[in-house]
Amino acid sequence: MAKSGKIRENNVIEMFTERELQVIRLICAQASNEEMAIKLKRGIRTIEGYRANILDKMKVRNTAGMVIYAVKTGIYKIRK
C-alpha cells in the first residue's frame, strides 16, 4: 500500500513546475508574497500569478486549502 502512496505523491508533484513547488513550500512555511518575491527574485504580481495557478491546479479556494493539500499529498512535510 505504501508503494501506491508514493506513486500518487509523484504524480501530484509532476503536475507543478519547480517554481510552483517552491512557492507552495514557501507558503506552507508562512512566507508572505513580498518575502517570496525577494527570495525568488520575482515581482509580487508574478508571485500572485503563481498562487492563482497553484490554486487552480489543486482545485482549492484559498491558502488554507493549499496548505492542507500540500501536506496530504507530501509536497510539504511538517517538521517536528
PDB file of N, CA and C in Angstrom:
ATOM      1  N   MET A   1       0.817  -1.194   0.000  1.00  0.00           N
ATOM      2  CA  MET A   1       0.000   0.000   0.000  1.00  0.00           C
ATOM      3  C   MET A   1       0.863   1.261   0.000  1.00  0.00           C
ATOM      4  N   ALA A   2       1.990   1.239   0.669  1.00  0.00           N
ATOM      5  CA  ALA A   2       2.885   2.402   0.686  1.00  0.00           C
ATOM      6  C   ALA A   2       3.368   2.726  -0.721  1.00  0.00           C
ATOM      7  N   LYS A   3       3.542   1.678  -1.537  1.00  0.00           N
ATOM      8  CA  LYS A   3       4.009   1.901  -2.898  1.00  0.00           C
ATOM      9  C   LYS A   3       3.018   2.746  -3.696  1.00  0.00           C
ATOM     10  N   SER A   4       1.730   2.455  -3.568  1.00  0.00           N
ATOM     11  CA  SER A   4       0.739   3.234  -4.306  1.00  0.00           C
ATOM     12  C   SER A   4       0.703   4.681  -3.815  1.00  0.00           C
ATOM     13  N   GLY A   5       0.943   4.888  -2.523  1.00  0.00           N
ATOM     14  CA  GLY A   5       1.022   6.246  -1.991  1.00  0.00           C
ATOM     15  C   GLY A   5       2.160   7.018  -2.621  1.00  0.00           C
ATOM     16  N   LYS A   6       3.294   6.364  -2.821  1.00  0.00           N
ATOM     17  CA  LYS A   6       4.448   7.009  -3.450  1.00  0.00           C
ATOM     18  C   LYS A   6       4.128   7.388  -4.889  1.00  0.00           C
ATOM     19  N   ILE A   7       3.469   6.479  -5.599  1.00  0.00           N
ATOM     20  CA  ILE A   7       3.109   6.770  -6.988  1.00  0.00           C
ATOM     21  C   ILE A   7       2.187   7.977  -7.021  1.00  0.00           C
ATOM     22  N   ARG A   8       1.199   8.014  -6.160  1.00  0.00           N
ATOM     23  CA  ARG A   8       0.268   9.138  -6.117  1.00  0.00           C
ATOM     24  C   ARG A   8       1.013  10.427  -5.808  1.00  0.00           C
ATOM     25  N   GLU A   9       1.918  10.391  -4.841  1.00  0.00           N
ATOM     26  CA  GLU A   9       2.686  11.578  -4.471  1.00  0.00           C
ATOM     27  C   GLU A   9       3.509  12.074  -5.649  1.00  0.00           C
ATOM     28  N   ASN A  10       4.172  11.176  -6.367  1.00  0.00           N
ATOM     29  CA  ASN A  10       4.975  11.574  -7.519  1.00  0.00           C
ATOM     30  C   ASN A  10       4.109  12.164  -8.622  1.00  0.00           C
ATOM     31  N   ASN A  11       2.947  11.584  -8.881  1.00  0.00           N
ATOM     32  CA  ASN A  11       2.047  12.123  -9.902  1.00  0.00           C
ATOM     33  C   ASN A  11       1.574  13.524  -9.544  1.00  0.00           C
ATOM     34  N   VAL A  12       1.298  13.748  -8.283  1.00  0.00           N
ATOM     35  CA  VAL A  12       0.858  15.069  -7.836  1.00  0.00           C
ATOM     36  C   VAL A  12       1.972  16.080  -8.038  1.00  0.00           C
ATOM     37  N   ILE A  13       3.172  15.737  -7.633  1.00  0.00           N
ATOM     38  CA  ILE A  13       4.303  16.656  -7.752  1.00  0.00           C
ATOM     39  C   ILE A  13       4.574  16.990  -9.215  1.00  0.00           C
ATOM     40  N   GLU A  14       4.396  16.047 -10.103  1.00  0.00           N
ATOM     41  CA  GLU A  14       4.667  16.265 -11.528  1.00  0.00           C
ATOM     42  C   GLU A  14       3.718  17.284 -12.169  1.00  0.00           C
ATOM     43  N   MET A  15       2.580  17.538 -11.563  1.00  0.00           N
ATOM     44  CA  MET A  15       1.643  18.492 -12.167  1.00  0.00           C
ATOM     45  C   MET A  15       2.031  19.951 -11.901  1.00  0.00           C
ATOM     46  N   PHE A  16       3.046  20.164 -11.071  1.00  0.00           N
ATOM     47  CA  PHE A  16       3.509  21.510 -10.752  1.00  0.00           C
ATOM     48  C   PHE A  16       4.908  21.736 -11.305  1.00  0.00           C
ATOM     49  N   THR A  17       5.184  22.982 -11.703  1.00  0.00           N
ATOM     50  CA  THR A  17       6.536  23.335 -12.129  1.00  0.00           C
ATOM     51  C   THR A  17       7.428  23.436 -10.886  1.00  0.00           C
ATOM     52  N   GLU A  18       8.731  23.453 -11.103  1.00  0.00           N
ATOM     53  CA  GLU A  18       9.662  23.606  -9.982  1.00  0.00           C
ATOM     54  C   GLU A  18       9.394  24.910  -9.232  1.00  0.00           C
ATOM     55  N   ARG A  19       9.136  25.987  -9.968  1.00  0.00           N
ATOM     56  CA  ARG A  19       8.874  27.277  -9.334  1.00  0.00           C
ATOM     57  C   ARG A  19       7.587  27.221  -8.509  1.00  0.00           C
ATOM     58  N   GLU A  20       6.548  26.563  -9.039  1.00  0.00           N
ATOM     59  CA  GLU A  20       5.303  26.425  -8.282  1.00  0.00           C
ATOM     60  C   GLU A  20       5.524  25.631  -6.999  1.00  0.00           C
ATOM     61  N   LEU A  21       6.334  24.590  -7.067  1.00  0.00           N
ATOM     62  CA  LEU A  21       6.641  23.814  -5.867  1.00  0.00           C
ATOM     63  C   LEU A  21       7.376  24.669  -4.839  1.00  0.00           C
ATOM     64  N   GLN A  22       8.283  25.526  -5.311  1.00  0.00           N
ATOM     65  CA  GLN A  22       8.975  26.438  -4.396  1.00  0.00           C
ATOM     66  C   GLN A  22       7.973  27.368  -3.722  1.00  0.00           C
ATOM     67  N   VAL A  23       7.056  27.914  -4.497  1.00  0.00           N
ATOM     68  CA  VAL A  23       6.047  28.826  -3.953  1.00  0.00           C
ATOM     69  C   VAL A  23       5.163  28.091  -2.948  1.00  0.00           C
ATOM     70  N   ILE A  24       4.729  26.889  -3.272  1.00  0.00           N
ATOM     71  CA  ILE A  24       3.900  26.103  -2.348  1.00  0.00           C
ATOM     72  C   ILE A  24       4.622  25.915  -1.026  1.00  0.00           C
ATOM     73  N   ARG A  25       5.873  25.512  -1.094  1.00  0.00           N
ATOM     74  CA  ARG A  25       6.640  25.246   0.130  1.00  0.00           C
ATOM     75  C   ARG A  25       6.867  26.524   0.931  1.00  0.00           C
ATOM     76  N   LEU A  26       7.090  27.624   0.252  1.00  0.00           N
ATOM     77  CA  LEU A  26       7.251  28.897   0.956  1.00  0.00           C
ATOM     78  C   LEU A  26       5.942  29.339   1.611  1.00  0.00           C
ATOM     79  N   ILE A  27       4.834  29.140   0.936  1.00  0.00           N
ATOM     80  CA  ILE A  27       3.533  29.472   1.521  1.00  0.00           C
ATOM     81  C   ILE A  27       3.298  28.625   2.762  1.00  0.00           C
ATOM     82  N   CYS A  28       3.597  27.341   2.672  1.00  0.00           N
ATOM     83  CA  CYS A  28       3.426  26.452   3.824  1.00  0.00           C
ATOM     84  C   CYS A  28       4.338  26.853   4.981  1.00  0.00           C
ATOM     85  N   ALA A  29       5.462  27.467   4.666  1.00  0.00           N
ATOM     86  CA  ALA A  29       6.397  27.942   5.688  1.00  0.00           C
ATOM     87  C   ALA A  29       6.047  29.364   6.144  1.00  0.00           C
ATOM     88  N   GLN A  30       4.883  29.854   5.740  1.00  0.00           N
ATOM     89  CA  GLN A  30       4.318  31.132   6.162  1.00  0.00           C
ATOM     90  C   GLN A  30       5.009  32.363   5.588  1.00  0.00           C
ATOM     91  N   ALA A  31       5.628  32.228   4.442  1.00  0.00           N
ATOM     92  CA  ALA A  31       6.239  33.391   3.782  1.00  0.00           C
ATOM     93  C   ALA A  31       5.159  34.257   3.155  1.00  0.00           C
ATOM     94  N   SER A  32       5.334  35.559   3.231  1.00  0.00           N
ATOM     95  CA  SER A  32       4.397  36.495   2.598  1.00  0.00           C
ATOM     96  C   SER A  32       4.731  36.607   1.111  1.00  0.00           C
ATOM     97  N   ASN A  33       3.830  37.206   0.346  1.00  0.00           N
ATOM     98  CA  ASN A  33       4.101  37.430  -1.077  1.00  0.00           C
ATOM     99  C   ASN A  33       5.368  38.254  -1.263  1.00  0.00           C
ATOM    100  N   GLU A  34       5.533  39.253  -0.420  1.00  0.00           N
ATOM    101  CA  GLU A  34       6.710  40.114  -0.515  1.00  0.00           C
ATOM    102  C   GLU A  34       7.995  39.329  -0.242  1.00  0.00           C
ATOM    103  N   GLU A  35       7.962  38.490   0.784  1.00  0.00           N
ATOM    104  CA  GLU A  35       9.134  37.669   1.112  1.00  0.00           C
ATOM    105  C   GLU A  35       9.465  36.698  -0.019  1.00  0.00           C
ATOM    106  N   MET A  36       8.422  36.103  -0.599  1.00  0.00           N
ATOM    107  CA  MET A  36       8.643  35.180  -1.717  1.00  0.00           C
ATOM    108  C   MET A  36       9.217  35.911  -2.922  1.00  0.00           C
ATOM    109  N   ALA A  37       8.703  37.097  -3.200  1.00  0.00           N
ATOM    110  CA  ALA A  37       9.192  37.885  -4.337  1.00  0.00           C
ATOM    111  C   ALA A  37      10.682  38.173  -4.184  1.00  0.00           C
ATOM    112  N   ILE A  38      11.094  38.550  -2.988  1.00  0.00           N
ATOM    113  CA  ILE A  38      12.512  38.827  -2.739  1.00  0.00           C
ATOM    114  C   ILE A  38      13.345  37.553  -2.862  1.00  0.00           C
ATOM    115  N   LYS A  39      12.894  36.499  -2.201  1.00  0.00           N
ATOM    116  CA  LYS A  39      13.659  35.244  -2.203  1.00  0.00           C
ATOM    117  C   LYS A  39      13.794  34.654  -3.607  1.00  0.00           C
ATOM    118  N   LEU A  40      12.723  34.712  -4.388  1.00  0.00           N
ATOM    119  CA  LEU A  40      12.719  34.104  -5.719  1.00  0.00           C
ATOM    120  C   LEU A  40      13.107  35.089  -6.827  1.00  0.00           C
ATOM    121  N   LYS A  41      13.391  36.335  -6.425  1.00  0.00           N
ATOM    122  CA  LYS A  41      13.783  37.375  -7.383  1.00  0.00           C
ATOM    123  C   LYS A  41      12.737  37.548  -8.491  1.00  0.00           C
ATOM    124  N   ARG A  42      11.496  37.698  -8.052  1.00  0.00           N
ATOM    125  CA  ARG A  42      10.359  37.893  -8.937  1.00  0.00           C
ATOM    126  C   ARG A  42       9.524  39.045  -8.402  1.00  0.00           C
ATOM    127  N   GLY A  43       8.649  39.572  -9.228  1.00  0.00           N
ATOM    128  CA  GLY A  43       7.739  40.615  -8.780  1.00  0.00           C
ATOM    129  C   GLY A  43       6.581  40.038  -7.989  1.00  0.00           C
ATOM    130  N   ILE A  44       5.948  40.890  -7.196  1.00  0.00           N
ATOM    131  CA  ILE A  44       4.802  40.445  -6.399  1.00  0.00           C
ATOM    132  C   ILE A  44       3.678  39.959  -7.301  1.00  0.00           C
ATOM    133  N   ARG A  45       3.448  40.632  -8.424  1.00  0.00           N
ATOM    134  CA  ARG A  45       2.389  40.204  -9.359  1.00  0.00           C
ATOM    135  C   ARG A  45       2.695  38.810  -9.924  1.00  0.00           C
ATOM    136  N   THR A  46       3.956  38.527 -10.140  1.00  0.00           N
ATOM    137  CA  THR A  46       4.340  37.194 -10.623  1.00  0.00           C
ATOM    138  C   THR A  46       4.024  36.149  -9.559  1.00  0.00           C
ATOM    139  N   ILE A  47       4.327  36.452  -8.308  1.00  0.00           N
ATOM    140  CA  ILE A  47       4.024  35.537  -7.198  1.00  0.00           C
ATOM    141  C   ILE A  47       2.515  35.331  -7.106  1.00  0.00           C
ATOM    142  N   GLU A  48       1.760  36.406  -7.254  1.00  0.00           N
ATOM    143  CA  GLU A  48       0.298  36.291  -7.233  1.00  0.00           C
ATOM    144  C   GLU A  48      -0.199  35.396  -8.361  1.00  0.00           C
ATOM    145  N   GLY A  49       0.446  35.479  -9.521  1.00  0.00           N
ATOM    146  CA  GLY A  49       0.105  34.602 -10.645  1.00  0.00           C
ATOM    147  C   GLY A  49       0.390  33.144 -10.339  1.00  0.00           C
ATOM    148  N   TYR A  50       1.553  32.883  -9.717  1.00  0.00           N
ATOM    149  CA  TYR A  50       1.863  31.506  -9.312  1.00  0.00           C
ATOM    150  C   TYR A  50       0.805  30.989  -8.346  1.00  0.00           C
ATOM    151  N   ARG A  51       0.447  31.817  -7.368  1.00  0.00           N
ATOM    152  CA  ARG A  51      -0.561  31.403  -6.385  1.00  0.00           C
ATOM    153  C   ARG A  51      -1.877  31.041  -7.074  1.00  0.00           C
ATOM    154  N   ALA A  52      -2.315  31.873  -8.020  1.00  0.00           N
ATOM    155  CA  ALA A  52      -3.572  31.620  -8.729  1.00  0.00           C
ATOM    156  C   ALA A  52      -3.500  30.310  -9.517  1.00  0.00           C
ATOM    157  N   ASN A  53      -2.374  30.077 -10.198  1.00  0.00           N
ATOM    158  CA  ASN A  53      -2.206  28.832 -10.962  1.00  0.00           C
ATOM    159  C   ASN A  53      -2.208  27.616 -10.042  1.00  0.00           C
ATOM    160  N   ILE A  54      -1.550  27.740  -8.904  1.00  0.00           N
ATOM    161  CA  ILE A  54      -1.483  26.633  -7.946  1.00  0.00           C
ATOM    162  C   ILE A  54      -2.879  26.311  -7.410  1.00  0.00           C
ATOM    163  N   LEU A  55      -3.617  27.346  -7.012  1.00  0.00           N
ATOM    164  CA  LEU A  55      -4.972  27.126  -6.512  1.00  0.00           C
ATOM    165  C   LEU A  55      -5.835  26.433  -7.561  1.00  0.00           C
ATOM    166  N   ASP A  56      -5.686  26.859  -8.808  1.00  0.00           N
ATOM    167  CA  ASP A  56      -6.450  26.255  -9.901  1.00  0.00           C
ATOM    168  C   ASP A  56      -6.072  24.789 -10.101  1.00  0.00           C
ATOM    169  N   LYS A  57      -4.785  24.505 -10.117  1.00  0.00           N
ATOM    170  CA  LYS A  57      -4.337  23.120 -10.316  1.00  0.00           C
ATOM    171  C   LYS A  57      -4.767  22.211  -9.168  1.00  0.00           C
ATOM    172  N   MET A  58      -4.724  22.752  -7.935  1.00  0.00           N
ATOM    173  CA  MET A  58      -5.114  21.964  -6.763  1.00  0.00           C
ATOM    174  C   MET A  58      -6.626  21.851  -6.622  1.00  0.00           C
ATOM    175  N   LYS A  59      -7.340  22.747  -7.311  1.00  0.00           N
ATOM    176  CA  LYS A  59      -8.799  22.821  -7.208  1.00  0.00           C
ATOM    177  C   LYS A  59      -9.230  23.121  -5.766  1.00  0.00           C
ATOM    178  N   VAL A  60      -8.521  24.092  -5.163  1.00  0.00           N
ATOM    179  CA  VAL A  60      -8.873  24.577  -3.832  1.00  0.00           C
ATOM    180  C   VAL A  60      -9.157  26.073  -3.934  1.00  0.00           C
ATOM    181  N   ARG A  61      -9.760  26.653  -2.876  1.00  0.00           N
ATOM    182  CA  ARG A  61     -10.211  28.035  -2.960  1.00  0.00           C
ATOM    183  C   ARG A  61      -9.330  29.046  -2.238  1.00  0.00           C
ATOM    184  N   ASN A  62      -8.486  28.591  -1.335  1.00  0.00           N
ATOM    185  CA  ASN A  62      -7.722  29.561  -0.556  1.00  0.00           C
ATOM    186  C   ASN A  62      -6.412  28.952  -0.043  1.00  0.00           C
ATOM    187  N   THR A  63      -5.662  29.770   0.689  1.00  0.00           N
ATOM    188  CA  THR A  63      -4.356  29.343   1.185  1.00  0.00           C
ATOM    189  C   THR A  63      -4.474  28.165   2.143  1.00  0.00           C
ATOM    190  N   ALA A  64      -5.498  28.174   2.987  1.00  0.00           N
ATOM    191  CA  ALA A  64      -5.685  27.058   3.916  1.00  0.00           C
ATOM    192  C   ALA A  64      -5.860  25.744   3.142  1.00  0.00           C
ATOM    193  N   GLY A  65      -6.663  25.784   2.090  1.00  0.00           N
ATOM    194  CA  GLY A  65      -6.845  24.588   1.262  1.00  0.00           C
ATOM    195  C   GLY A  65      -5.552  24.157   0.602  1.00  0.00           C
ATOM    196  N   MET A  66      -4.753  25.143   0.180  1.00  0.00           N
ATOM    197  CA  MET A  66      -3.473  24.842  -0.448  1.00  0.00           C
ATOM    198  C   MET A  66      -2.535  24.127   0.528  1.00  0.00           C
ATOM    199  N   VAL A  67      -2.478  24.611   1.751  1.00  0.00           N
ATOM    200  CA  VAL A  67      -1.597  24.009   2.753  1.00  0.00           C
ATOM    201  C   VAL A  67      -2.062  22.595   3.086  1.00  0.00           C
ATOM    202  N   ILE A  68      -3.359  22.412   3.269  1.00  0.00           N
ATOM    203  CA  ILE A  68      -3.898  21.075   3.553  1.00  0.00           C
ATOM    204  C   ILE A  68      -3.561  20.117   2.417  1.00  0.00           C
ATOM    205  N   TYR A  69      -3.764  20.552   1.194  1.00  0.00           N
ATOM    206  CA  TYR A  69      -3.468  19.746   0.018  1.00  0.00           C
ATOM    207  C   TYR A  69      -1.982  19.377  -0.017  1.00  0.00           C
ATOM    208  N   ALA A  70      -1.127  20.365   0.225  1.00  0.00           N
ATOM    209  CA  ALA A  70       0.325  20.143   0.166  1.00  0.00           C
ATOM    210  C   ALA A  70       0.780  19.143   1.225  1.00  0.00           C
ATOM    211  N   VAL A  71       0.216  19.217   2.404  1.00  0.00           N
ATOM    212  CA  VAL A  71       0.594  18.289   3.477  1.00  0.00           C
ATOM    213  C   VAL A  71       0.059  16.889   3.180  1.00  0.00           C
ATOM    214  N   LYS A  72      -1.198  16.795   2.761  1.00  0.00           N
ATOM    215  CA  LYS A  72      -1.811  15.488   2.487  1.00  0.00           C
ATOM    216  C   LYS A  72      -1.105  14.741   1.359  1.00  0.00           C
ATOM    217  N   THR A  73      -0.627  15.467   0.368  1.00  0.00           N
ATOM    218  CA  THR A  73      -0.005  14.811  -0.787  1.00  0.00           C
ATOM    219  C   THR A  73       1.505  14.657  -0.654  1.00  0.00           C
ATOM    220  N   GLY A  74       2.078  15.208   0.407  1.00  0.00           N
ATOM    221  CA  GLY A  74       3.520  15.059   0.616  1.00  0.00           C
ATOM    222  C   GLY A  74       4.365  16.125  -0.055  1.00  0.00           C
ATOM    223  N   ILE A  75       3.747  17.140  -0.646  1.00  0.00           N
ATOM    224  CA  ILE A  75       4.516  18.222  -1.253  1.00  0.00           C
ATOM    225  C   ILE A  75       5.257  18.969  -0.140  1.00  0.00           C
ATOM    226  N   TYR A  76       4.604  19.114   1.011  1.00  0.00           N
ATOM    227  CA  TYR A  76       5.220  19.785   2.151  1.00  0.00           C
ATOM    228  C   TYR A  76       5.151  18.853   3.347  1.00  0.00           C
ATOM    229  N   LYS A  77       6.286  18.663   3.974  1.00  0.00           N
ATOM    230  CA  LYS A  77       6.344  17.795   5.157  1.00  0.00           C
ATOM    231  C   LYS A  77       6.543  18.668   6.391  1.00  0.00           C
ATOM    232  N   ILE A  78       5.701  18.464   7.376  1.00  0.00           N
ATOM    233  CA  ILE A  78       5.801  19.222   8.613  1.00  0.00           C
ATOM    234  C   ILE A  78       6.919  18.620   9.459  1.00  0.00           C
ATOM    235  N   ARG A  79       7.839  19.478   9.852  1.00  0.00           N
ATOM    236  CA  ARG A  79       8.964  19.026  10.692  1.00  0.00           C
ATOM    237  C   ARG A  79       8.625  19.233  12.159  1.00  0.00           C
ATOM    238  N   LYS A  80       9.086  18.299  12.957  1.00  0.00           N
ATOM    239  CA  LYS A  80       8.835  18.394  14.412  1.00  0.00           C
ATOM    240  C   LYS A  80       9.822  19.291  15.072  1.00  0.00           C
TER     241      LYS A  80
END
